[in-house]
């Protein structure tokens, strides 16, 4: 989870978002329709993963076009929170 910290000055009560020290990554293949040429909308799976703290970071594409993998990341401490 991204942490907020307080800063002093005229905006002393406004949290400033900081990046986590460590990330963990995972990949998954976008679901394909029967023809294997057209991808199905992965929104349901992405929402499930988002609820566990994962966010889409990048894609790995085929040379000729199309997406081979979706790359997700989350702060390492989010995985520890999930285990509790």
Protein backbone atom coordinates (compact mmCIF):
# COMPACT_ATOMS: atom_id res chain seq x y z
CA UNK A 1 0.00 0.00 0.00
CA UNK A 2 1.29 3.48 -0.82
CA UNK A 3 1.99 5.34 2.37
CA UNK A 4 1.14 8.96 3.11
CA UNK A 5 3.39 11.16 5.18
CA UNK A 6 2.79 14.55 6.72
CA UNK A 7 4.95 17.49 5.64
CA UNK A 8 5.49 20.74 7.47
CA UNK A 9 4.73 24.14 6.03
CA UNK A 10 1.63 25.88 4.79
CA UNK A 11 0.11 22.57 3.62
CA UNK A 12 0.96 20.69 6.81
CA UNK A 13 -2.21 18.59 6.84
CA UNK A 14 -2.01 17.46 3.22
CA UNK A 15 -0.64 13.91 2.87
CA UNK A 16 2.15 13.36 0.35
CA UNK A 17 2.17 9.98 -1.38
CA UNK A 18 5.45 8.10 -1.30
CA UNK A 19 6.49 5.04 -3.30
CA UNK A 20 7.06 1.73 -1.53
CA UNK A 21 10.61 0.50 -1.15
CA UNK A 22 9.92 -2.87 -2.79
CA UNK A 23 7.48 -4.22 -5.36
CA UNK A 24 6.43 -7.74 -6.24
CA UNK A 25 5.34 -8.61 -9.76
CA UNK A 26 3.18 -11.21 -11.46
CA UNK A 27 2.04 -11.86 -15.01
CA UNK A 28 -0.98 -13.42 -16.61
CA UNK A 29 -2.02 -14.08 -20.17
CA UNK A 30 -5.06 -12.14 -21.37
CA UNK A 31 -7.97 -14.55 -21.91
CA UNK A 32 -8.49 -15.53 -25.55
CA UNK A 33 -11.64 -16.40 -27.43
CA UNK A 34 -11.96 -19.76 -29.15
CA UNK A 35 -10.11 -18.55 -32.25
CA UNK A 36 -7.15 -17.61 -30.01
CA UNK A 37 -6.78 -14.51 -32.22
CA UNK A 38 -9.05 -12.16 -30.31
CA UNK A 39 -8.58 -11.31 -26.66
CA UNK A 40 -11.54 -11.25 -24.33
CA UNK A 41 -11.94 -8.28 -22.02
CA UNK A 42 -9.90 -9.06 -18.85
CA UNK A 43 -11.69 -6.45 -16.71
CA UNK A 44 -13.24 -9.00 -14.32
CA UNK A 45 -9.86 -10.63 -13.59
CA UNK A 46 -8.15 -7.25 -13.30
CA UNK A 47 -10.78 -6.12 -10.78
CA UNK A 48 -10.21 -9.29 -8.73
CA UNK A 49 -6.47 -8.70 -8.73
CA UNK A 50 -6.96 -4.99 -7.99
CA UNK A 51 -8.94 -5.91 -4.89
CA UNK A 52 -5.83 -7.79 -3.73
CA UNK A 53 -3.64 -4.72 -4.26
CA UNK A 54 -2.32 -5.48 -7.77
CA UNK A 55 -2.15 -2.77 -10.44
CA UNK A 56 -1.38 -3.07 -14.13
CA UNK A 57 2.21 -1.94 -14.70
CA UNK A 58 2.98 -2.94 -18.28
CA UNK A 59 2.38 -5.43 -21.07
CA UNK A 60 4.66 -7.86 -22.91
CA UNK A 61 3.70 -7.85 -26.57
CA UNK A 62 4.30 -10.26 -29.42
CA UNK A 63 6.71 -9.01 -32.11
CA UNK A 64 3.96 -8.96 -34.74
CA UNK A 65 1.44 -7.28 -32.43
CA UNK A 66 -0.91 -8.37 -29.72
CA UNK A 67 -0.42 -8.77 -26.00
CA UNK A 68 1.30 -11.88 -24.67
CA UNK A 69 1.27 -11.02 -20.95
CA UNK A 70 -0.14 -8.39 -18.63
CA UNK A 71 2.40 -7.38 -15.97
CA UNK A 72 1.05 -6.39 -12.56
CA UNK A 73 2.77 -5.03 -9.48
CA UNK A 74 1.95 -4.31 -5.84
CA UNK A 75 3.95 -3.19 -2.85
CA UNK A 76 5.55 -6.06 -0.96
CA UNK A 77 3.75 -5.02 2.24
CA UNK A 78 0.37 -5.55 0.50
CA UNK A 79 1.20 -9.25 0.17
CA UNK A 80 2.02 -9.39 3.88
CA UNK A 81 -1.32 -7.71 4.71
CA UNK A 82 -3.14 -10.31 2.58
CA UNK A 83 -1.51 -13.18 4.49
CA UNK A 84 -2.78 -11.92 7.85
